[in-house]
């Protein structure tokens, strides 16, 4: 039997003692740039070790800008997150969530906002790493929620909209303004029902149930809360409304009784009064579900089209 040289034994020993976390950053970025453009590869890379996850997190927004949005399917009983690509029939499943959950009530800055079975306790979840921030339980049922900034930002607050425990199921008239670490936050009740909302430049734009868009300023001191500034009336002819934002405009998406979809735009700076009918998406794709509308810029980068995608009850992760 041939003897192994002392040199080869030393090299083998050194290799076996190396950690994946010792791989240099330039090499990790090179690996990331060569991954196929799908969430499954990115998630696998993120799960190797803490160092790789940190690099992947910094690369996340660049990756998401170059691939089509993923549809998050309804949450499985096991607590696993399941995704489907809109460009093919492939499905991807992540590891289990760290919260007992049933419902996704919002997506902001690439993070999922999930509530437990009671609809009262929200959690903010990174769908790629399953990193979870649990917030205090609220005194009302949360129906939809948004973040004011990425969770890593000191300006990040959760705006959770829902209904009082004693209210009718269809009435969504409460807003909680919560810090990601701390108390339950400030809860405000309003005399009208909300449908959905967006947040931009220190303001919340809340779509009232088929009547108007209410503009609210975010006041942070002494405790975070929302203050109504003005109402933007919406055209009376519109029904089944969704509100989103793209390219510096509010987009009001409506569907009539025949299923025909139309869009009205209003500038976010509010200098021009009234809404303007749009005939082009201007290089954007819209994803419309039963209670949300999300916009994606430059769909041609992932071989998409300037059109509206109907995504049924699934959630668009961007």
C-alpha atoms as a PDB file:
ATOM      1  CA  UNK A   1       0.000   0.000   0.000  1.00  0.00           C
ATOM      2  CA  UNK A   2       1.422   3.368  -0.965  1.00  0.00           C
ATOM      3  CA  UNK A   3       2.208   5.705   1.874  1.00  0.00           C
ATOM      4  CA  UNK A   4       0.565   9.112   1.926  1.00  0.00           C
ATOM      5  CA  UNK A   5       3.120  11.897   2.036  1.00  0.00           C
ATOM      6  CA  UNK A   6       3.263  14.149   5.063  1.00  0.00           C
ATOM      7  CA  UNK A   7       2.552  17.150   2.804  1.00  0.00           C
ATOM      8  CA  UNK A   8      -0.699  15.699   1.411  1.00  0.00           C
ATOM      9  CA  UNK A   9      -1.803  14.721   4.904  1.00  0.00           C
ATOM     10  CA  UNK A  10      -1.223  18.281   6.092  1.00  0.00           C
ATOM     11  CA  UNK A  11      -3.195  19.758   3.177  1.00  0.00           C
ATOM     12  CA  UNK A  12      -6.102  17.367   3.762  1.00  0.00           C
ATOM     13  CA  UNK A  13      -6.113  18.231   7.447  1.00  0.00           C
ATOM     14  CA  UNK A  14      -6.179  21.948   6.730  1.00  0.00           C
ATOM     15  CA  UNK A  15      -9.036  21.594   4.234  1.00  0.00           C
ATOM     16  CA  UNK A  16     -11.135  19.531   6.620  1.00  0.00           C
ATOM     17  CA  UNK A  17     -10.709  22.173   9.325  1.00  0.00           C
ATOM     18  CA  UNK A  18     -11.870  25.030   7.126  1.00  0.00           C
ATOM     19  CA  UNK A  19     -15.258  26.588   7.762  1.00  0.00           C
ATOM     20  CA  UNK A  20     -17.690  27.761   5.107  1.00  0.00           C
ATOM     21  CA  UNK A  21     -17.669  31.105   6.897  1.00  0.00           C
ATOM     22  CA  UNK A  22     -13.999  31.537   5.932  1.00  0.00           C
ATOM     23  CA  UNK A  23     -14.817  31.987   2.239  1.00  0.00           C
ATOM     24  CA  UNK A  24     -13.838  35.522   1.210  1.00  0.00           C
ATOM     25  CA  UNK A  25     -16.474  38.119   0.333  1.00  0.00           C
ATOM     26  CA  UNK A  26     -15.321  38.588  -3.302  1.00  0.00           C
ATOM     27  CA  UNK A  27     -15.717  34.862  -3.891  1.00  0.00           C
ATOM     28  CA  UNK A  28     -19.163  34.842  -2.257  1.00  0.00           C
ATOM     29  CA  UNK A  29     -20.317  37.725  -4.457  1.00  0.00           C
ATOM     30  CA  UNK A  30     -18.994  35.828  -7.464  1.00  0.00           C
ATOM     31  CA  UNK A  31     -21.023  32.771  -6.451  1.00  0.00           C
ATOM     32  CA  UNK A  32     -24.154  34.869  -5.939  1.00  0.00           C
ATOM     33  CA  UNK A  33     -23.812  36.508  -9.341  1.00  0.00           C
ATOM     34  CA  UNK A  34     -23.722  33.064 -10.997  1.00  0.00           C
ATOM     35  CA  UNK A  35     -26.803  31.674  -9.297  1.00  0.00           C
ATOM     36  CA  UNK A  36     -29.803  31.087 -11.506  1.00  0.00           C
ATOM     37  CA  UNK A  37     -32.420  33.733 -10.962  1.00  0.00           C
ATOM     38  CA  UNK A  38     -34.813  32.041  -8.589  1.00  0.00           C
ATOM     39  CA  UNK A  39     -35.678  32.240  -4.945  1.00  0.00           C
ATOM     40  CA  UNK A  40     -34.795  28.602  -4.251  1.00  0.00           C
ATOM     41  CA  UNK A  41     -31.104  29.072  -5.106  1.00  0.00           C
ATOM     42  CA  UNK A  42     -30.938  32.272  -3.110  1.00  0.00           C
ATOM     43  CA  UNK A  43     -32.568  30.616  -0.115  1.00  0.00           C
ATOM     44  CA  UNK A  44     -30.171  27.649  -0.271  1.00  0.00           C
ATOM     45  CA  UNK A  45     -27.192  30.005  -0.388  1.00  0.00           C
ATOM     46  CA  UNK A  46     -28.539  31.952   2.603  1.00  0.00           C
ATOM     47  CA  UNK A  47     -28.870  28.793   4.660  1.00  0.00           C
ATOM     48  CA  UNK A  48     -25.212  27.722   4.518  1.00  0.00           C
ATOM     49  CA  UNK A  49     -24.054  29.769   7.523  1.00  0.00           C
ATOM     50  CA  UNK A  50     -24.408  33.159   9.204  1.00  0.00           C
ATOM     51  CA  UNK A  51     -21.651  34.764   7.124  1.00  0.00           C
ATOM     52  CA  UNK A  52     -23.251  33.676   3.846  1.00  0.00           C
ATOM     53  CA  UNK A  53     -26.668  34.855   5.043  1.00  0.00           C
ATOM     54  CA  UNK A  54     -25.238  38.294   5.805  1.00  0.00           C
ATOM     55  CA  UNK A  55     -23.793  38.606   2.301  1.00  0.00           C
ATOM     56  CA  UNK A  56     -27.034  37.378   0.743  1.00  0.00           C
ATOM     57  CA  UNK A  57     -29.058  39.936   2.685  1.00  0.00           C
ATOM     58  CA  UNK A  58     -26.973  42.768   1.224  1.00  0.00           C
ATOM     59  CA  UNK A  59     -27.459  41.266  -2.261  1.00  0.00           C
ATOM     60  CA  UNK A  60     -31.191  40.724  -1.818  1.00  0.00           C
ATOM     61  CA  UNK A  61     -32.606  43.913  -3.349  1.00  0.00           C
ATOM     62  CA  UNK A  62     -30.332  43.650  -6.395  1.00  0.00           C
ATOM     63  CA  UNK A  63     -31.489  40.079  -6.950  1.00  0.00           C
ATOM     64  CA  UNK A  64     -35.175  40.880  -6.518  1.00  0.00           C
ATOM     65  CA  UNK A  65     -34.934  43.686  -9.065  1.00  0.00           C
ATOM     66  CA  UNK A  66     -33.732  41.261 -11.736  1.00  0.00           C
ATOM     67  CA  UNK A  67     -36.214  38.406 -11.294  1.00  0.00           C
ATOM     68  CA  UNK A  68     -39.995  38.200 -11.572  1.00  0.00           C
ATOM     69  CA  UNK A  69     -41.986  38.456  -8.360  1.00  0.00           C
ATOM     70  CA  UNK A  70     -42.824  35.188  -6.632  1.00  0.00           C
ATOM     71  CA  UNK A  71     -46.338  34.214  -5.639  1.00  0.00           C
ATOM     72  CA  UNK A  72     -46.611  33.052  -2.065  1.00  0.00           C
ATOM     73  CA  UNK A  73     -49.214  30.316  -1.964  1.00  0.00           C
ATOM     74  CA  UNK A  74     -51.549  29.886   0.956  1.00  0.00           C
ATOM     75  CA  UNK A  75     -49.680  28.915   4.096  1.00  0.00           C
ATOM     76  CA  UNK A  76     -49.378  25.178   4.613  1.00  0.00           C
ATOM     77  CA  UNK A  77     -50.593  23.565   7.823  1.00  0.00           C
ATOM     78  CA  UNK A  78     -46.977  22.688   8.592  1.00  0.00           C
ATOM     79  CA  UNK A  79     -46.040  26.366   8.727  1.00  0.00           C
ATOM     80  CA  UNK A  80     -43.830  26.139   5.638  1.00  0.00           C
ATOM     81  CA  UNK A  81     -43.751  28.941   3.093  1.00  0.00           C
ATOM     82  CA  UNK A  82     -44.484  27.828  -0.463  1.00  0.00           C
ATOM     83  CA  UNK A  83     -43.651  29.915  -3.519  1.00  0.00           C
ATOM     84  CA  UNK A  84     -44.467  29.615  -7.192  1.00  0.00           C
ATOM     85  CA  UNK A  85     -42.694  31.310 -10.074  1.00  0.00           C
ATOM     86  CA  UNK A  86     -44.931  33.262 -12.447  1.00  0.00           C
ATOM     87  CA  UNK A  87     -42.726  32.337 -15.416  1.00  0.00           C
ATOM     88  CA  UNK A  88     -42.892  28.557 -15.011  1.00  0.00           C
ATOM     89  CA  UNK A  89     -44.702  25.919 -12.984  1.00  0.00           C
ATOM     90  CA  UNK A  90     -41.930  25.341 -10.442  1.00  0.00           C
ATOM     91  CA  UNK A  91     -42.698  25.416  -6.724  1.00  0.00           C
ATOM     92  CA  UNK A  92     -40.258  26.193  -3.912  1.00  0.00           C
ATOM     93  CA  UNK A  93     -40.701  25.508  -0.213  1.00  0.00           C
ATOM     94  CA  UNK A  94     -38.720  27.145   2.573  1.00  0.00           C
ATOM     95  CA  UNK A  95     -38.099  25.892   6.081  1.00  0.00           C
ATOM     96  CA  UNK A  96     -40.726  26.168   8.793  1.00  0.00           C
ATOM     97  CA  UNK A  97     -41.652  29.543  10.185  1.00  0.00           C
ATOM     98  CA  UNK A  98     -40.928  30.287  13.804  1.00  0.00           C
ATOM     99  CA  UNK A  99     -44.479  31.426  14.485  1.00  0.00           C
ATOM    100  CA  UNK A 100     -47.724  29.491  14.565  1.00  0.00           C
ATOM    101  CA  UNK A 101     -49.455  31.229  11.747  1.00  0.00           C
ATOM    102  CA  UNK A 102     -52.326  31.018   9.352  1.00  0.00           C
ATOM    103  CA  UNK A 103     -52.612  34.317   7.522  1.00  0.00           C
ATOM    104  CA  UNK A 104     -50.404  36.732   5.592  1.00  0.00           C
ATOM    105  CA  UNK A 105     -51.843  40.251   5.863  1.00  0.00           C
ATOM    106  CA  UNK A 106     -49.197  42.234   4.023  1.00  0.00           C
ATOM    107  CA  UNK A 107     -45.870  42.435   2.204  1.00  0.00           C
ATOM    108  CA  UNK A 108     -43.521  45.415   2.651  1.00  0.00           C
ATOM    109  CA  UNK A 109     -39.913  45.851   1.543  1.00  0.00           C
ATOM    110  CA  UNK A 110     -39.708  42.135   0.763  1.00  0.00           C
ATOM    111  CA  UNK A 111     -40.888  41.096   4.245  1.00  0.00           C
ATOM    112  CA  UNK A 112     -44.074  39.200   5.031  1.00  0.00           C
ATOM    113  CA  UNK A 113     -46.420  40.453   7.735  1.00  0.00           C
ATOM    114  CA  UNK A 114     -48.163  37.469   9.257  1.00  0.00           C
ATOM    115  CA  UNK A 115     -50.766  37.097  11.989  1.00  0.00           C
ATOM    116  CA  UNK A 116     -51.587  34.118  14.173  1.00  0.00           C
ATOM    117  CA  UNK A 117     -54.870  32.216  14.224  1.00  0.00           C
ATOM    118  CA  UNK A 118     -56.548  34.904  16.323  1.00  0.00           C
ATOM    119  CA  UNK A 119     -55.601  37.561  13.701  1.00  0.00           C
ATOM    120  CA  UNK A 120     -54.327  39.690  16.598  1.00  0.00           C
ATOM    121  CA  UNK A 121     -50.596  38.980  16.960  1.00  0.00           C
ATOM    122  CA  UNK A 122     -48.439  40.175  14.041  1.00  0.00           C
ATOM    123  CA  UNK A 123     -44.964  38.994  13.078  1.00  0.00           C
ATOM    124  CA  UNK A 124     -42.571  40.334  10.450  1.00  0.00           C
ATOM    125  CA  UNK A 125     -40.845  37.518   8.543  1.00  0.00           C
ATOM    126  CA  UNK A 126     -37.995  37.443   6.037  1.00  0.00           C
ATOM    127  CA  UNK A 127     -39.214  34.796   3.539  1.00  0.00           C
ATOM    128  CA  UNK A 128     -35.651  33.918   2.508  1.00  0.00           C
ATOM    129  CA  UNK A 129     -34.180  33.254   5.945  1.00  0.00           C
ATOM    130  CA  UNK A 130     -37.297  32.774   8.121  1.00  0.00           C
ATOM    131  CA  UNK A 131     -35.910  35.452  10.469  1.00  0.00           C
ATOM    132  CA  UNK A 132     -38.917  36.529  12.520  1.00  0.00           C
ATOM    133  CA  UNK A 133     -39.750  39.619  14.583  1.00  0.00           C
ATOM    134  CA  UNK A 134     -42.739  39.012  16.855  1.00  0.00           C
ATOM    135  CA  UNK A 135     -44.807  42.027  17.886  1.00  0.00           C
ATOM    136  CA  UNK A 136     -47.166  42.346  20.870  1.00  0.00           C
ATOM    137  CA  UNK A 137     -50.707  41.052  20.587  1.00  0.00           C
ATOM    138  CA  UNK A 138     -53.268  43.668  19.597  1.00  0.00           C
ATOM    139  CA  UNK A 139     -56.747  44.269  20.951  1.00  0.00           C
ATOM    140  CA  UNK A 140     -58.349  43.970  17.503  1.00  0.00           C
ATOM    141  CA  UNK A 141     -58.194  41.702  14.458  1.00  0.00           C
ATOM    142  CA  UNK A 142     -55.614  42.801  11.885  1.00  0.00           C
ATOM    143  CA  UNK A 143     -56.841  42.499   8.287  1.00  0.00           C
ATOM    144  CA  UNK A 144     -53.943  44.136   6.439  1.00  0.00           C
ATOM    145  CA  UNK A 145     -50.651  45.769   7.424  1.00  0.00           C
ATOM    146  CA  UNK A 146     -47.687  47.655   5.968  1.00  0.00           C
ATOM    147  CA  UNK A 147     -44.242  48.786   7.128  1.00  0.00           C
ATOM    148  CA  UNK A 148     -43.082  52.396   6.932  1.00  0.00           C
ATOM    149  CA  UNK A 149     -39.439  51.397   6.244  1.00  0.00           C
ATOM    150  CA  UNK A 150     -37.284  48.244   6.118  1.00  0.00           C
ATOM    151  CA  UNK A 151     -37.059  46.502   9.526  1.00  0.00           C
ATOM    152  CA  UNK A 152     -33.366  47.415   9.812  1.00  0.00           C
ATOM    153  CA  UNK A 153     -34.227  51.140   9.709  1.00  0.00           C
ATOM    154  CA  UNK A 154     -34.848  53.119  12.925  1.00  0.00           C
ATOM    155  CA  UNK A 155     -37.817  54.692  11.115  1.00  0.00           C
ATOM    156  CA  UNK A 156     -39.591  51.358  10.723  1.00  0.00           C
ATOM    157  CA  UNK A 157     -43.092  51.148  12.166  1.00  0.00           C
ATOM    158  CA  UNK A 158     -45.864  48.676  11.516  1.00  0.00           C
ATOM    159  CA  UNK A 159     -49.245  50.071  10.529  1.00  0.00           C
ATOM    160  CA  UNK A 160     -51.828  47.392  11.187  1.00  0.00           C
ATOM    161  CA  UNK A 161     -55.409  47.972  10.071  1.00  0.00           C
ATOM    162  CA  UNK A 162     -58.288  45.884  11.309  1.00  0.00           C
ATOM    163  CA  UNK A 163     -61.552  45.659  13.165  1.00  0.00           C
ATOM    164  CA  UNK A 164     -62.512  45.866  16.814  1.00  0.00           C
ATOM    165  CA  UNK A 165     -63.283  42.502  18.411  1.00  0.00           C
ATOM    166  CA  UNK A 166     -66.933  43.498  18.824  1.00  0.00           C
ATOM    167  CA  UNK A 167     -67.302  45.066  15.379  1.00  0.00           C
ATOM    168  CA  UNK A 168     -68.893  43.522  12.338  1.00  0.00           C
ATOM    169  CA  UNK A 169     -66.587  41.300  10.298  1.00  0.00           C
ATOM    170  CA  UNK A 170     -66.635  43.587   7.256  1.00  0.00           C
ATOM    171  CA  UNK A 171     -65.784  46.725   9.237  1.00  0.00           C
ATOM    172  CA  UNK A 172     -62.070  47.592   9.201  1.00  0.00           C
ATOM    173  CA  UNK A 173     -61.774  50.834  11.116  1.00  0.00           C
ATOM    174  CA  UNK A 174     -58.845  50.485  13.541  1.00  0.00           C
ATOM    175  CA  UNK A 175     -55.184  51.335  12.942  1.00  0.00           C
ATOM    176  CA  UNK A 176     -52.330  50.350  15.244  1.00  0.00           C
ATOM    177  CA  UNK A 177     -49.023  52.198  14.897  1.00  0.00           C
ATOM    178  CA  UNK A 178     -46.366  49.931  16.426  1.00  0.00           C
ATOM    179  CA  UNK A 179     -42.611  49.942  16.839  1.00  0.00           C
ATOM    180  CA  UNK A 180     -41.049  46.577  16.044  1.00  0.00           C
ATOM    181  CA  UNK A 181     -39.655  46.405  19.562  1.00  0.00           C
ATOM    182  CA  UNK A 182     -41.753  47.694  22.407  1.00  0.00           C
ATOM    183  CA  UNK A 183     -45.373  48.057  23.450  1.00  0.00           C
ATOM    184  CA  UNK A 184     -48.572  47.435  21.530  1.00  0.00           C
ATOM    185  CA  UNK A 185     -48.308  50.944  20.114  1.00  0.00           C
ATOM    186  CA  UNK A 186     -51.015  53.513  19.559  1.00  0.00           C
ATOM    187  CA  UNK A 187     -54.425  52.244  18.472  1.00  0.00           C
ATOM    188  CA  UNK A 188     -56.815  54.653  16.763  1.00  0.00           C
ATOM    189  CA  UNK A 189     -60.418  54.029  15.738  1.00  0.00           C
ATOM    190  CA  UNK A 190     -62.098  55.847  12.864  1.00  0.00           C
ATOM    191  CA  UNK A 191     -65.754  56.272  11.827  1.00  0.00           C
ATOM    192  CA  UNK A 192     -65.227  54.654   8.422  1.00  0.00           C
ATOM    193  CA  UNK A 193     -63.914  51.398   7.026  1.00  0.00           C
ATOM    194  CA  UNK A 194     -60.533  50.899   5.297  1.00  0.00           C
ATOM    195  CA  UNK A 195     -59.793  48.726   2.286  1.00  0.00           C
ATOM    196  CA  UNK A 196     -56.014  48.967   1.835  1.00  0.00           C
ATOM    197  CA  UNK A 197     -53.143  51.438   2.311  1.00  0.00           C
ATOM    198  CA  UNK A 198     -49.673  52.441   1.178  1.00  0.00           C
ATOM    199  CA  UNK A 199     -46.977  54.497   2.919  1.00  0.00           C
ATOM    200  CA  UNK A 200     -44.703  56.988   1.187  1.00  0.00           C
ATOM    201  CA  UNK A 201     -42.573  59.963   2.329  1.00  0.00           C
ATOM    202  CA  UNK A 202     -43.924  60.134   5.865  1.00  0.00           C
ATOM    203  CA  UNK A 203     -47.565  59.791   4.840  1.00  0.00           C
ATOM    204  CA  UNK A 204     -50.098  57.004   4.806  1.00  0.00           C
ATOM    205  CA  UNK A 205     -52.579  56.899   1.927  1.00  0.00           C
ATOM    206  CA  UNK A 206     -55.553  54.876   3.087  1.00  0.00           C
ATOM    207  CA  UNK A 207     -58.315  53.803   0.732  1.00  0.00           C
ATOM    208  CA  UNK A 208     -61.656  54.201   2.439  1.00  0.00           C
ATOM    209  CA  UNK A 209     -64.262  51.667   1.455  1.00  0.00           C
ATOM    210  CA  UNK A 210     -65.291  52.865  -2.031  1.00  0.00           C
ATOM    211  CA  UNK A 211     -65.514  56.547  -1.101  1.00  0.00           C
ATOM    212  CA  UNK A 212     -62.158  58.371  -0.933  1.00  0.00           C
ATOM    213  CA  UNK A 213     -58.446  58.162  -0.247  1.00  0.00           C
ATOM    214  CA  UNK A 214     -57.542  59.631   3.136  1.00  0.00           C
ATOM    215  CA  UNK A 215     -54.097  61.207   3.455  1.00  0.00           C
ATOM    216  CA  UNK A 216     -52.552  60.877   6.926  1.00  0.00           C
ATOM    217  CA  UNK A 217     -49.364  62.349   8.335  1.00  0.00           C
ATOM    218  CA  UNK A 218     -47.252  60.176  10.621  1.00  0.00           C
ATOM    219  CA  UNK A 219     -46.524  62.006  13.880  1.00  0.00           C
ATOM    220  CA  UNK A 220     -43.764  60.298  15.886  1.00  0.00           C
ATOM    221  CA  UNK A 221     -43.706  62.271  19.159  1.00  0.00           C
ATOM    222  CA  UNK A 222     -44.544  61.812  21.924  1.00  0.00           C
ATOM    223  CA  UNK A 223     -45.938  58.506  20.643  1.00  0.00           C
ATOM    224  CA  UNK A 224     -46.313  57.452  16.994  1.00  0.00           C
ATOM    225  CA  UNK A 225     -49.782  58.117  15.596  1.00  0.00           C
ATOM    226  CA  UNK A 226     -51.548  59.115  12.382  1.00  0.00           C
ATOM    227  CA  UNK A 227     -53.247  62.452  11.799  1.00  0.00           C
ATOM    228  CA  UNK A 228     -55.744  62.947   8.971  1.00  0.00           C
ATOM    229  CA  UNK A 229     -54.703  65.728   6.580  1.00  0.00           C
ATOM    230  CA  UNK A 230     -57.211  65.627   3.744  1.00  0.00           C
ATOM    231  CA  UNK A 231     -59.482  63.427   1.659  1.00  0.00           C
ATOM    232  CA  UNK A 232     -59.016  62.751  -2.039  1.00  0.00           C
ATOM    233  CA  UNK A 233     -62.453  62.051  -3.540  1.00  0.00           C
ATOM    234  CA  UNK A 234     -62.564  59.243  -6.067  1.00  0.00           C
ATOM    235  CA  UNK A 235     -64.707  59.114  -9.225  1.00  0.00           C
ATOM    236  CA  UNK A 236     -68.198  57.851  -8.434  1.00  0.00           C
ATOM    237  CA  UNK A 237     -68.223  55.515 -11.438  1.00  0.00           C
ATOM    238  CA  UNK A 238     -65.447  53.328 -10.007  1.00  0.00           C
ATOM    239  CA  UNK A 239     -66.018  50.149  -8.043  1.00  0.00           C
ATOM    240  CA  UNK A 240     -63.929  47.297  -6.613  1.00  0.00           C
ATOM    241  CA  UNK A 241     -60.964  49.526  -5.885  1.00  0.00           C
ATOM    242  CA  UNK A 242     -57.342  48.812  -5.019  1.00  0.00           C
ATOM    243  CA  UNK A 243     -54.655  51.377  -4.231  1.00  0.00           C
ATOM    244  CA  UNK A 244     -50.946  51.143  -5.008  1.00  0.00           C
ATOM    245  CA  UNK A 245     -48.010  53.411  -5.849  1.00  0.00           C
ATOM    246  CA  UNK A 246     -45.586  53.458  -8.762  1.00  0.00           C
ATOM    247  CA  UNK A 247     -43.375  56.045 -10.399  1.00  0.00           C
ATOM    248  CA  UNK A 248     -44.375  58.852  -8.030  1.00  0.00           C
ATOM    249  CA  UNK A 249     -48.116  58.407  -8.608  1.00  0.00           C
ATOM    250  CA  UNK A 250     -50.969  56.942  -6.658  1.00  0.00           C
ATOM    251  CA  UNK A 251     -52.631  54.310  -8.811  1.00  0.00           C
ATOM    252  CA  UNK A 252     -56.281  53.562  -8.252  1.00  0.00           C
ATOM    253  CA  UNK A 253     -57.176  50.267  -9.924  1.00  0.00           C
ATOM    254  CA  UNK A 254     -60.837  49.427 -10.409  1.00  0.00           C
ATOM    255  CA  UNK A 255     -62.904  46.648 -11.923  1.00  0.00           C
ATOM    256  CA  UNK A 256     -66.471  47.051 -13.127  1.00  0.00           C
ATOM    257  CA  UNK A 257     -69.296  44.521 -13.016  1.00  0.00           C
ATOM    258  CA  UNK A 258     -68.254  43.128 -16.404  1.00  0.00           C
ATOM    259  CA  UNK A 259     -64.725  42.459 -15.159  1.00  0.00           C
ATOM    260  CA  UNK A 260     -63.127  45.280 -17.141  1.00  0.00           C
ATOM    261  CA  UNK A 261     -60.156  46.859 -15.359  1.00  0.00           C
ATOM    262  CA  UNK A 262     -59.229  50.542 -15.495  1.00  0.00           C
ATOM    263  CA  UNK A 263     -56.689  52.747 -13.729  1.00  0.00           C
ATOM    264  CA  UNK A 264     -56.692  56.305 -12.480  1.00  0.00           C
ATOM    265  CA  UNK A 265     -53.518  58.147 -11.423  1.00  0.00           C
ATOM    266  CA  UNK A 266     -53.020  60.926  -8.894  1.00  0.00           C
ATOM    267  CA  UNK A 267     -49.626  62.527  -8.132  1.00  0.00           C
ATOM    268  CA  UNK A 268     -48.273  61.854  -4.669  1.00  0.00           C
ATOM    269  CA  UNK A 269     -47.267  65.505  -4.242  1.00  0.00           C
ATOM    270  CA  UNK A 270     -51.002  66.377  -4.354  1.00  0.00           C
ATOM    271  CA  UNK A 271     -50.408  69.583  -6.345  1.00  0.00           C
ATOM    272  CA  UNK A 272     -52.799  68.547  -9.092  1.00  0.00           C
ATOM    273  CA  UNK A 273     -56.375  67.915  -8.062  1.00  0.00           C
ATOM    274  CA  UNK A 274     -58.393  65.065  -9.461  1.00  0.00           C
ATOM    275  CA  UNK A 275     -57.554  61.738 -11.040  1.00  0.00           C
ATOM    276  CA  UNK A 276     -56.355  61.096 -14.582  1.00  0.00           C
ATOM    277  CA  UNK A 277     -57.332  57.979 -16.541  1.00  0.00           C
ATOM    278  CA  UNK A 278     -54.272  55.967 -17.612  1.00  0.00           C
ATOM    279  CA  UNK A 279     -54.044  54.204 -20.963  1.00  0.00           C
ATOM    280  CA  UNK A 280     -50.558  52.764 -20.427  1.00  0.00           C
ATOM    281  CA  UNK A 281     -48.707  51.216 -17.504  1.00  0.00           C
ATOM    282  CA  UNK A 282     -45.526  53.015 -18.546  1.00  0.00           C
ATOM    283  CA  UNK A 283     -43.141  50.076 -18.305  1.00  0.00           C
ATOM    284  CA  UNK A 284     -44.721  48.518 -15.230  1.00  0.00           C
ATOM    285  CA  UNK A 285     -46.592  45.356 -14.379  1.00  0.00           C
ATOM    286  CA  UNK A 286     -49.391  45.303 -11.808  1.00  0.00           C
ATOM    287  CA  UNK A 287     -50.320  42.279  -9.731  1.00  0.00           C
ATOM    288  CA  UNK A 288     -53.909  42.408  -8.549  1.00  0.00           C
ATOM    289  CA  UNK A 289     -55.318  40.060  -5.919  1.00  0.00           C
ATOM    290  CA  UNK A 290     -58.554  40.082  -3.977  1.00  0.00           C
ATOM    291  CA  UNK A 291     -57.289  42.641  -1.430  1.00  0.00           C
ATOM    292  CA  UNK A 292     -53.905  43.914  -2.643  1.00  0.00           C
ATOM    293  CA  UNK A 293     -52.267  45.552  -5.609  1.00  0.00           C
ATOM    294  CA  UNK A 294     -48.492  45.513  -6.151  1.00  0.00           C
ATOM    295  CA  UNK A 295     -46.434  47.174  -8.882  1.00  0.00           C
ATOM    296  CA  UNK A 296     -43.199  45.876 -10.429  1.00  0.00           C
ATOM    297  CA  UNK A 297     -40.957  48.128 -12.487  1.00  0.00           C
ATOM    298  CA  UNK A 298     -39.246  47.087 -15.749  1.00  0.00           C
ATOM    299  CA  UNK A 299     -40.980  43.732 -16.346  1.00  0.00           C
ATOM    300  CA  UNK A 300     -38.995  43.330 -19.584  1.00  0.00           C
ATOM    301  CA  UNK A 301     -35.954  42.463 -17.443  1.00  0.00           C
ATOM    302  CA  UNK A 302     -37.625  39.167 -16.512  1.00  0.00           C
ATOM    303  CA  UNK A 303     -39.434  38.695 -19.831  1.00  0.00           C
ATOM    304  CA  UNK A 304     -42.676  40.029 -18.417  1.00  0.00           C
ATOM    305  CA  UNK A 305     -45.126  42.446 -20.016  1.00  0.00           C
ATOM    306  CA  UNK A 306     -46.682  45.823 -19.255  1.00  0.00           C
ATOM    307  CA  UNK A 307     -49.958  44.349 -18.134  1.00  0.00           C
ATOM    308  CA  UNK A 308     -52.060  43.440 -15.118  1.00  0.00           C
ATOM    309  CA  UNK A 309     -51.572  39.972 -13.661  1.00  0.00           C
ATOM    310  CA  UNK A 310     -54.543  38.563 -11.748  1.00  0.00           C
ATOM    311  CA  UNK A 311     -53.104  36.483  -8.907  1.00  0.00           C
ATOM    312  CA  UNK A 312     -56.301  35.376  -7.177  1.00  0.00           C
ATOM    313  CA  UNK A 313     -55.786  34.824  -3.440  1.00  0.00           C
ATOM    314  CA  UNK A 314     -52.005  34.489  -3.595  1.00  0.00           C
ATOM    315  CA  UNK A 315     -49.574  37.083  -2.249  1.00  0.00           C
ATOM    316  CA  UNK A 316     -46.963  38.770  -4.443  1.00  0.00           C
ATOM    317  CA  UNK A 317     -43.525  38.828  -2.806  1.00  0.00           C
ATOM    318  CA  UNK A 318     -41.238  41.556  -4.113  1.00  0.00           C
END
